[in-house]
């Protein structure tokens, strides 16, 4: 078969069908609808907070968002650790997107500067990848579908809320604090994965279940080098888009 004939056949063949109640497939219309709807909902929530900025209503809205994250994350951790569901490679709450919700809740409830900085960088640079390349197979009828999307929406949505509703903008001090804390957590995951063969933080020998940027970075452990360069570069860009040295909305640092 000629290349032209093969292209014509692919173009005219019907798209494969699947049942979204049972199965989730990345890079489909269903994926776009789910991710797009949740991002629009998060944006609407953030814009409402912006309209109420400086009022008790906004304080309540931010506290409600933070409390909701705490409740959902706590239930999810217990759910995965229950006998019959526990899996060493999935159930331990050690992924970046397992730790980030706790930081998001701290940022929303206390406005601690270090938490707001980590939420910004992790939420925008790291956890948004779940919306672009979700590592998910289960459909609407599975609990994991809801844990996955609600968890990542809470992270990214909280980052959007802190920026849009509360006016957070990063400084280079936020950048270096986040780099140091990220490096410590990354080292922990690398050591754990090397000792156990697990893949927490996607910093181990395993591969994600779906196509992600990890697939093009080469074999383990060499892929860790370009991965860290990409993350560091993303953090630099996310700082540089704001004027270097610009004072943040709340420059007082609380530990």
C-alpha atoms as a PDB file:
ATOM      1  CA  UNK A   1       0.000   0.000   0.000  1.00  0.00           C
ATOM      2  CA  UNK A   2       1.369   3.414  -0.941  1.00  0.00           C
ATOM      3  CA  UNK A   3       1.819   6.139   1.701  1.00  0.00           C
ATOM      4  CA  UNK A   4      -0.916   8.197   0.053  1.00  0.00           C
ATOM      5  CA  UNK A   5      -3.321   5.261   0.184  1.00  0.00           C
ATOM      6  CA  UNK A   6      -2.477   4.658   3.850  1.00  0.00           C
ATOM      7  CA  UNK A   7      -3.121   8.311   4.734  1.00  0.00           C
ATOM      8  CA  UNK A   8      -6.419   8.229   2.838  1.00  0.00           C
ATOM      9  CA  UNK A   9      -7.490   5.081   4.653  1.00  0.00           C
ATOM     10  CA  UNK A  10      -6.688   6.606   8.058  1.00  0.00           C
ATOM     11  CA  UNK A  11      -8.511   9.817   7.197  1.00  0.00           C
ATOM     12  CA  UNK A  12     -11.654   8.038   6.073  1.00  0.00           C
ATOM     13  CA  UNK A  13     -11.735   5.337   8.741  1.00  0.00           C
ATOM     14  CA  UNK A  14     -14.251   5.877  11.558  1.00  0.00           C
ATOM     15  CA  UNK A  15     -12.765   6.999  14.856  1.00  0.00           C
ATOM     16  CA  UNK A  16     -12.541   4.236  17.465  1.00  0.00           C
ATOM     17  CA  UNK A  17     -15.378   4.369  19.950  1.00  0.00           C
ATOM     18  CA  UNK A  18     -15.279   3.741  23.683  1.00  0.00           C
ATOM     19  CA  UNK A  19     -17.633   3.953  26.625  1.00  0.00           C
ATOM     20  CA  UNK A  20     -16.661   6.942  28.827  1.00  0.00           C
ATOM     21  CA  UNK A  21     -18.563   5.398  31.727  1.00  0.00           C
ATOM     22  CA  UNK A  22     -16.056   2.543  31.763  1.00  0.00           C
ATOM     23  CA  UNK A  23     -12.911   3.877  30.124  1.00  0.00           C
ATOM     24  CA  UNK A  24     -11.010   7.136  29.858  1.00  0.00           C
ATOM     25  CA  UNK A  25      -8.876   7.809  26.803  1.00  0.00           C
ATOM     26  CA  UNK A  26      -6.530  10.793  26.643  1.00  0.00           C
ATOM     27  CA  UNK A  27      -6.548  13.062  23.597  1.00  0.00           C
ATOM     28  CA  UNK A  28     -10.215  12.489  22.821  1.00  0.00           C
ATOM     29  CA  UNK A  29     -13.198  14.830  22.760  1.00  0.00           C
ATOM     30  CA  UNK A  30     -14.241  13.442  26.149  1.00  0.00           C
ATOM     31  CA  UNK A  31     -10.823  14.396  27.548  1.00  0.00           C
ATOM     32  CA  UNK A  32     -11.182  17.932  26.183  1.00  0.00           C
ATOM     33  CA  UNK A  33     -14.681  18.318  27.620  1.00  0.00           C
ATOM     34  CA  UNK A  34     -13.700  17.077  31.086  1.00  0.00           C
ATOM     35  CA  UNK A  35     -10.487  19.093  31.370  1.00  0.00           C
ATOM     36  CA  UNK A  36     -11.985  22.204  29.781  1.00  0.00           C
ATOM     37  CA  UNK A  37     -15.071  22.169  31.986  1.00  0.00           C
ATOM     38  CA  UNK A  38     -13.052  21.848  35.183  1.00  0.00           C
ATOM     39  CA  UNK A  39     -10.641  24.619  34.185  1.00  0.00           C
ATOM     40  CA  UNK A  40     -13.537  26.933  33.302  1.00  0.00           C
ATOM     41  CA  UNK A  41     -15.189  26.139  36.630  1.00  0.00           C
ATOM     42  CA  UNK A  42     -11.945  26.961  38.442  1.00  0.00           C
ATOM     43  CA  UNK A  43     -11.635  30.210  36.501  1.00  0.00           C
ATOM     44  CA  UNK A  44     -15.192  31.189  37.396  1.00  0.00           C
ATOM     45  CA  UNK A  45     -14.513  30.475  41.063  1.00  0.00           C
ATOM     46  CA  UNK A  46     -11.357  32.616  40.937  1.00  0.00           C
ATOM     47  CA  UNK A  47     -13.144  35.491  39.192  1.00  0.00           C
ATOM     48  CA  UNK A  48     -15.864  35.427  41.841  1.00  0.00           C
ATOM     49  CA  UNK A  49     -13.174  35.683  44.511  1.00  0.00           C
ATOM     50  CA  UNK A  50     -11.611  38.591  42.635  1.00  0.00           C
ATOM     51  CA  UNK A  51     -14.947  40.415  42.570  1.00  0.00           C
ATOM     52  CA  UNK A  52     -15.167  39.954  46.352  1.00  0.00           C
ATOM     53  CA  UNK A  53     -11.515  40.782  47.093  1.00  0.00           C
ATOM     54  CA  UNK A  54     -11.038  42.558  50.391  1.00  0.00           C
ATOM     55  CA  UNK A  55     -14.431  41.530  51.743  1.00  0.00           C
ATOM     56  CA  UNK A  56     -15.552  38.896  54.261  1.00  0.00           C
ATOM     57  CA  UNK A  57     -17.181  37.058  51.365  1.00  0.00           C
ATOM     58  CA  UNK A  58     -13.791  36.424  49.778  1.00  0.00           C
ATOM     59  CA  UNK A  59     -12.332  35.307  53.096  1.00  0.00           C
ATOM     60  CA  UNK A  60     -15.150  32.801  53.444  1.00  0.00           C
ATOM     61  CA  UNK A  61     -14.801  31.641  49.831  1.00  0.00           C
ATOM     62  CA  UNK A  62     -11.062  31.037  50.219  1.00  0.00           C
ATOM     63  CA  UNK A  63     -11.567  29.241  53.525  1.00  0.00           C
ATOM     64  CA  UNK A  64     -14.324  27.106  52.011  1.00  0.00           C
ATOM     65  CA  UNK A  65     -12.047  26.164  49.095  1.00  0.00           C
ATOM     66  CA  UNK A  66      -9.193  25.285  51.447  1.00  0.00           C
ATOM     67  CA  UNK A  67     -11.437  23.288  53.784  1.00  0.00           C
ATOM     68  CA  UNK A  68     -12.927  21.389  50.858  1.00  0.00           C
ATOM     69  CA  UNK A  69      -9.438  20.446  49.690  1.00  0.00           C
ATOM     70  CA  UNK A  70      -8.505  19.174  53.145  1.00  0.00           C
ATOM     71  CA  UNK A  71     -11.651  17.067  53.430  1.00  0.00           C
ATOM     72  CA  UNK A  72     -11.391  15.564  49.963  1.00  0.00           C
ATOM     73  CA  UNK A  73      -7.679  14.849  50.217  1.00  0.00           C
ATOM     74  CA  UNK A  74      -8.056  13.205  53.615  1.00  0.00           C
ATOM     75  CA  UNK A  75     -10.866  10.944  52.376  1.00  0.00           C
ATOM     76  CA  UNK A  76      -8.883  10.041  49.249  1.00  0.00           C
ATOM     77  CA  UNK A  77      -5.778   9.067  51.221  1.00  0.00           C
ATOM     78  CA  UNK A  78      -7.829   6.783  53.475  1.00  0.00           C
ATOM     79  CA  UNK A  79      -9.666   5.327  50.461  1.00  0.00           C
ATOM     80  CA  UNK A  80      -6.411   4.320  48.730  1.00  0.00           C
ATOM     81  CA  UNK A  81      -4.910   2.902  51.922  1.00  0.00           C
ATOM     82  CA  UNK A  82      -7.884   0.645  52.648  1.00  0.00           C
ATOM     83  CA  UNK A  83      -7.202  -3.117  52.465  1.00  0.00           C
ATOM     84  CA  UNK A  84      -8.235  -4.470  49.096  1.00  0.00           C
ATOM     85  CA  UNK A  85      -7.327  -1.208  47.347  1.00  0.00           C
ATOM     86  CA  UNK A  86      -3.778  -0.721  48.575  1.00  0.00           C
ATOM     87  CA  UNK A  87      -1.044  -0.951  45.937  1.00  0.00           C
ATOM     88  CA  UNK A  88       2.558  -0.059  46.684  1.00  0.00           C
ATOM     89  CA  UNK A  89       3.011   1.678  43.342  1.00  0.00           C
ATOM     90  CA  UNK A  90      -0.136   3.808  43.578  1.00  0.00           C
ATOM     91  CA  UNK A  91      -1.553   4.150  47.084  1.00  0.00           C
ATOM     92  CA  UNK A  92       1.200   5.935  49.008  1.00  0.00           C
ATOM     93  CA  UNK A  93       0.418   9.683  48.958  1.00  0.00           C
ATOM     94  CA  UNK A  94       3.857  10.576  47.652  1.00  0.00           C
ATOM     95  CA  UNK A  95       3.257  11.950  44.162  1.00  0.00           C
ATOM     96  CA  UNK A  96       3.757  15.682  43.721  1.00  0.00           C
ATOM     97  CA  UNK A  97       0.011  15.891  43.092  1.00  0.00           C
ATOM     98  CA  UNK A  98      -0.627  14.100  46.404  1.00  0.00           C
ATOM     99  CA  UNK A  99       1.470  16.566  48.387  1.00  0.00           C
ATOM    100  CA  UNK A 100       0.344  19.670  46.514  1.00  0.00           C
ATOM    101  CA  UNK A 101      -3.287  19.636  47.787  1.00  0.00           C
ATOM    102  CA  UNK A 102      -2.083  19.902  51.388  1.00  0.00           C
ATOM    103  CA  UNK A 103       0.089  22.857  50.407  1.00  0.00           C
ATOM    104  CA  UNK A 104      -2.849  24.388  48.526  1.00  0.00           C
ATOM    105  CA  UNK A 105      -5.012  24.151  51.633  1.00  0.00           C
ATOM    106  CA  UNK A 106      -2.310  25.785  53.775  1.00  0.00           C
ATOM    107  CA  UNK A 107      -1.934  28.569  51.205  1.00  0.00           C
ATOM    108  CA  UNK A 108      -5.663  29.289  51.091  1.00  0.00           C
ATOM    109  CA  UNK A 109      -6.318  28.979  54.808  1.00  0.00           C
ATOM    110  CA  UNK A 110      -3.218  30.705  56.217  1.00  0.00           C
ATOM    111  CA  UNK A 111      -1.726  32.698  53.297  1.00  0.00           C
ATOM    112  CA  UNK A 112       1.731  31.519  54.316  1.00  0.00           C
ATOM    113  CA  UNK A 113       4.162  32.857  51.757  1.00  0.00           C
ATOM    114  CA  UNK A 114       6.154  29.642  51.295  1.00  0.00           C
ATOM    115  CA  UNK A 115       2.946  27.686  50.650  1.00  0.00           C
ATOM    116  CA  UNK A 116       1.649  30.226  48.155  1.00  0.00           C
ATOM    117  CA  UNK A 117       4.950  30.094  46.283  1.00  0.00           C
ATOM    118  CA  UNK A 118       5.022  26.302  46.054  1.00  0.00           C
ATOM    119  CA  UNK A 119       1.349  26.254  45.052  1.00  0.00           C
ATOM    120  CA  UNK A 120       2.077  28.666  42.221  1.00  0.00           C
ATOM    121  CA  UNK A 121       5.040  26.797  40.774  1.00  0.00           C
ATOM    122  CA  UNK A 122       3.797  23.252  41.350  1.00  0.00           C
ATOM    123  CA  UNK A 123       0.237  24.079  40.383  1.00  0.00           C
ATOM    124  CA  UNK A 124       1.074  25.888  37.155  1.00  0.00           C
ATOM    125  CA  UNK A 125       4.233  24.071  36.003  1.00  0.00           C
ATOM    126  CA  UNK A 126       3.745  20.522  37.279  1.00  0.00           C
ATOM    127  CA  UNK A 127       0.142  19.644  38.059  1.00  0.00           C
ATOM    128  CA  UNK A 128      -1.296  21.212  34.908  1.00  0.00           C
ATOM    129  CA  UNK A 129       0.345  18.306  33.063  1.00  0.00           C
ATOM    130  CA  UNK A 130      -2.451  16.106  34.413  1.00  0.00           C
ATOM    131  CA  UNK A 131      -4.909  18.114  32.339  1.00  0.00           C
ATOM    132  CA  UNK A 132      -2.762  17.825  29.199  1.00  0.00           C
ATOM    133  CA  UNK A 133      -1.548  14.226  29.533  1.00  0.00           C
ATOM    134  CA  UNK A 134      -3.701  12.491  32.174  1.00  0.00           C
ATOM    135  CA  UNK A 135      -2.384   9.139  33.390  1.00  0.00           C
ATOM    136  CA  UNK A 136      -5.852   7.685  33.785  1.00  0.00           C
ATOM    137  CA  UNK A 137      -7.652   4.678  32.322  1.00  0.00           C
ATOM    138  CA  UNK A 138     -10.883   4.529  34.342  1.00  0.00           C
ATOM    139  CA  UNK A 139     -14.116   6.196  33.234  1.00  0.00           C
ATOM    140  CA  UNK A 140     -16.972   7.988  34.968  1.00  0.00           C
ATOM    141  CA  UNK A 141     -18.244   4.938  36.817  1.00  0.00           C
ATOM    142  CA  UNK A 142     -14.932   4.461  38.654  1.00  0.00           C
ATOM    143  CA  UNK A 143     -14.033   6.251  41.880  1.00  0.00           C
ATOM    144  CA  UNK A 144     -10.473   6.817  40.681  1.00  0.00           C
ATOM    145  CA  UNK A 145     -11.783   8.962  37.811  1.00  0.00           C
ATOM    146  CA  UNK A 146     -13.250  11.396  40.328  1.00  0.00           C
ATOM    147  CA  UNK A 147     -10.263  11.304  42.676  1.00  0.00           C
ATOM    148  CA  UNK A 148      -7.955  12.069  39.765  1.00  0.00           C
ATOM    149  CA  UNK A 149      -9.852  15.000  38.315  1.00  0.00           C
ATOM    150  CA  UNK A 150     -11.049  16.518  41.586  1.00  0.00           C
ATOM    151  CA  UNK A 151      -7.566  16.264  43.086  1.00  0.00           C
ATOM    152  CA  UNK A 152      -5.837  17.992  40.209  1.00  0.00           C
ATOM    153  CA  UNK A 153      -8.602  20.578  39.893  1.00  0.00           C
ATOM    154  CA  UNK A 154      -8.158  21.466  43.546  1.00  0.00           C
ATOM    155  CA  UNK A 155      -4.455  22.095  42.974  1.00  0.00           C
ATOM    156  CA  UNK A 156      -4.634  24.030  39.717  1.00  0.00           C
ATOM    157  CA  UNK A 157      -7.834  25.773  40.761  1.00  0.00           C
ATOM    158  CA  UNK A 158      -6.285  26.857  44.056  1.00  0.00           C
ATOM    159  CA  UNK A 159      -3.271  28.263  42.204  1.00  0.00           C
ATOM    160  CA  UNK A 160      -5.606  30.167  39.876  1.00  0.00           C
ATOM    161  CA  UNK A 161      -7.613  31.437  42.841  1.00  0.00           C
ATOM    162  CA  UNK A 162      -4.534  32.681  44.681  1.00  0.00           C
ATOM    163  CA  UNK A 163      -3.334  34.554  41.602  1.00  0.00           C
ATOM    164  CA  UNK A 164      -6.616  35.937  40.307  1.00  0.00           C
ATOM    165  CA  UNK A 165      -8.652  36.419  43.468  1.00  0.00           C
ATOM    166  CA  UNK A 166      -5.882  37.272  45.934  1.00  0.00           C
ATOM    167  CA  UNK A 167      -3.362  38.867  43.612  1.00  0.00           C
ATOM    168  CA  UNK A 168      -0.395  36.584  44.230  1.00  0.00           C
ATOM    169  CA  UNK A 169       2.627  37.184  42.015  1.00  0.00           C
ATOM    170  CA  UNK A 170       5.985  35.474  42.560  1.00  0.00           C
ATOM    171  CA  UNK A 171       9.326  37.033  43.361  1.00  0.00           C
ATOM    172  CA  UNK A 172      12.759  35.566  42.821  1.00  0.00           C
ATOM    173  CA  UNK A 173      12.819  34.804  46.533  1.00  0.00           C
ATOM    174  CA  UNK A 174       9.711  32.637  46.047  1.00  0.00           C
ATOM    175  CA  UNK A 175      11.523  30.961  43.171  1.00  0.00           C
ATOM    176  CA  UNK A 176      14.591  30.006  45.212  1.00  0.00           C
ATOM    177  CA  UNK A 177      12.575  28.854  48.218  1.00  0.00           C
ATOM    178  CA  UNK A 178      10.494  26.615  45.944  1.00  0.00           C
ATOM    179  CA  UNK A 179      13.587  25.320  44.148  1.00  0.00           C
ATOM    180  CA  UNK A 180      15.170  24.282  47.446  1.00  0.00           C
ATOM    181  CA  UNK A 181      12.054  22.565  48.767  1.00  0.00           C
ATOM    182  CA  UNK A 182      11.407  20.890  45.419  1.00  0.00           C
ATOM    183  CA  UNK A 183      15.009  19.646  45.328  1.00  0.00           C
ATOM    184  CA  UNK A 184      14.646  18.095  48.785  1.00  0.00           C
ATOM    185  CA  UNK A 185      11.421  16.328  47.848  1.00  0.00           C
ATOM    186  CA  UNK A 186      12.848  15.238  44.492  1.00  0.00           C
ATOM    187  CA  UNK A 187      15.904  13.722  46.197  1.00  0.00           C
ATOM    188  CA  UNK A 188      13.624  11.846  48.600  1.00  0.00           C
ATOM    189  CA  UNK A 189      11.595  10.388  45.706  1.00  0.00           C
ATOM    190  CA  UNK A 190      14.693   9.443  43.708  1.00  0.00           C
ATOM    191  CA  UNK A 191      16.200   7.575  46.669  1.00  0.00           C
ATOM    192  CA  UNK A 192      12.902   5.843  47.477  1.00  0.00           C
ATOM    193  CA  UNK A 193      12.366   4.814  43.861  1.00  0.00           C
ATOM    194  CA  UNK A 194      15.928   3.579  43.423  1.00  0.00           C
ATOM    195  CA  UNK A 195      15.597   1.426  46.536  1.00  0.00           C
ATOM    196  CA  UNK A 196      12.149   0.016  45.745  1.00  0.00           C
ATOM    197  CA  UNK A 197      11.722   0.153  41.959  1.00  0.00           C
ATOM    198  CA  UNK A 198       8.648   2.382  42.354  1.00  0.00           C
ATOM    199  CA  UNK A 199       7.974   5.499  40.304  1.00  0.00           C
ATOM    200  CA  UNK A 200       6.754   8.205  42.662  1.00  0.00           C
ATOM    201  CA  UNK A 201       7.103  11.685  41.251  1.00  0.00           C
ATOM    202  CA  UNK A 202       7.745   9.956  37.897  1.00  0.00           C
ATOM    203  CA  UNK A 203      11.358   9.912  39.060  1.00  0.00           C
ATOM    204  CA  UNK A 204      11.778   6.147  39.042  1.00  0.00           C
ATOM    205  CA  UNK A 205      12.378   3.399  36.489  1.00  0.00           C
ATOM    206  CA  UNK A 206       8.710   2.905  35.570  1.00  0.00           C
ATOM    207  CA  UNK A 207       6.723   4.570  32.802  1.00  0.00           C
ATOM    208  CA  UNK A 208       3.393   6.393  33.156  1.00  0.00           C
ATOM    209  CA  UNK A 209       0.426   4.404  31.930  1.00  0.00           C
ATOM    210  CA  UNK A 210      -0.364   6.990  29.253  1.00  0.00           C
ATOM    211  CA  UNK A 211       1.679   9.137  26.904  1.00  0.00           C
ATOM    212  CA  UNK A 212       3.460  11.979  28.700  1.00  0.00           C
ATOM    213  CA  UNK A 213       6.573  14.081  28.259  1.00  0.00           C
ATOM    214  CA  UNK A 214       8.466  11.330  30.118  1.00  0.00           C
ATOM    215  CA  UNK A 215       8.217   9.149  27.003  1.00  0.00           C
ATOM    216  CA  UNK A 216      10.537  11.384  24.967  1.00  0.00           C
ATOM    217  CA  UNK A 217      13.232  11.933  27.603  1.00  0.00           C
ATOM    218  CA  UNK A 218      15.066   8.657  27.164  1.00  0.00           C
ATOM    219  CA  UNK A 219      15.740   5.722  29.478  1.00  0.00           C
ATOM    220  CA  UNK A 220      15.991   5.783  33.257  1.00  0.00           C
ATOM    221  CA  UNK A 221      18.026   7.103  35.032  1.00  0.00           C
ATOM    222  CA  UNK A 222      19.411   9.419  32.347  1.00  0.00           C
ATOM    223  CA  UNK A 223      16.009  10.962  31.690  1.00  0.00           C
ATOM    224  CA  UNK A 224      16.116  12.533  35.154  1.00  0.00           C
ATOM    225  CA  UNK A 225      18.641  15.120  33.934  1.00  0.00           C
ATOM    226  CA  UNK A 226      16.531  16.630  31.106  1.00  0.00           C
ATOM    227  CA  UNK A 227      13.436  16.320  33.292  1.00  0.00           C
ATOM    228  CA  UNK A 228      15.023  18.444  36.019  1.00  0.00           C
ATOM    229  CA  UNK A 229      16.275  20.944  33.429  1.00  0.00           C
ATOM    230  CA  UNK A 230      12.741  21.281  32.031  1.00  0.00           C
ATOM    231  CA  UNK A 231      11.233  21.819  35.483  1.00  0.00           C
ATOM    232  CA  UNK A 232      13.917  24.351  36.468  1.00  0.00           C
ATOM    233  CA  UNK A 233      13.440  26.207  33.181  1.00  0.00           C
ATOM    234  CA  UNK A 234       9.671  26.258  33.650  1.00  0.00           C
ATOM    235  CA  UNK A 235      10.083  27.748  37.121  1.00  0.00           C
ATOM    236  CA  UNK A 236      12.423  30.403  35.707  1.00  0.00           C
ATOM    237  CA  UNK A 237       9.924  31.325  33.004  1.00  0.00           C
ATOM    238  CA  UNK A 238       7.060  31.453  35.500  1.00  0.00           C
ATOM    239  CA  UNK A 239       9.072  33.962  37.520  1.00  0.00           C
ATOM    240  CA  UNK A 240      10.409  35.977  34.601  1.00  0.00           C
ATOM    241  CA  UNK A 241       6.940  36.646  33.188  1.00  0.00           C
ATOM    242  CA  UNK A 242       6.525  38.965  36.148  1.00  0.00           C
ATOM    243  CA  UNK A 243       8.853  41.967  36.385  1.00  0.00           C
ATOM    244  CA  UNK A 244      12.072  40.841  38.105  1.00  0.00           C
ATOM    245  CA  UNK A 245      12.239  42.238  41.597  1.00  0.00           C
ATOM    246  CA  UNK A 246       8.586  43.269  41.576  1.00  0.00           C
ATOM    247  CA  UNK A 247       7.139  43.465  45.073  1.00  0.00           C
ATOM    248  CA  UNK A 248       4.510  40.820  45.691  1.00  0.00           C
ATOM    249  CA  UNK A 249       1.020  41.553  46.934  1.00  0.00           C
ATOM    250  CA  UNK A 250       1.974  40.469  50.447  1.00  0.00           C
ATOM    251  CA  UNK A 251       5.779  40.838  50.846  1.00  0.00           C
ATOM    252  CA  UNK A 252       5.851  39.872  54.545  1.00  0.00           C
ATOM    253  CA  UNK A 253       7.357  36.403  54.952  1.00  0.00           C
ATOM    254  CA  UNK A 254       5.823  34.162  57.580  1.00  0.00           C
ATOM    255  CA  UNK A 255       7.433  30.866  58.404  1.00  0.00           C
END
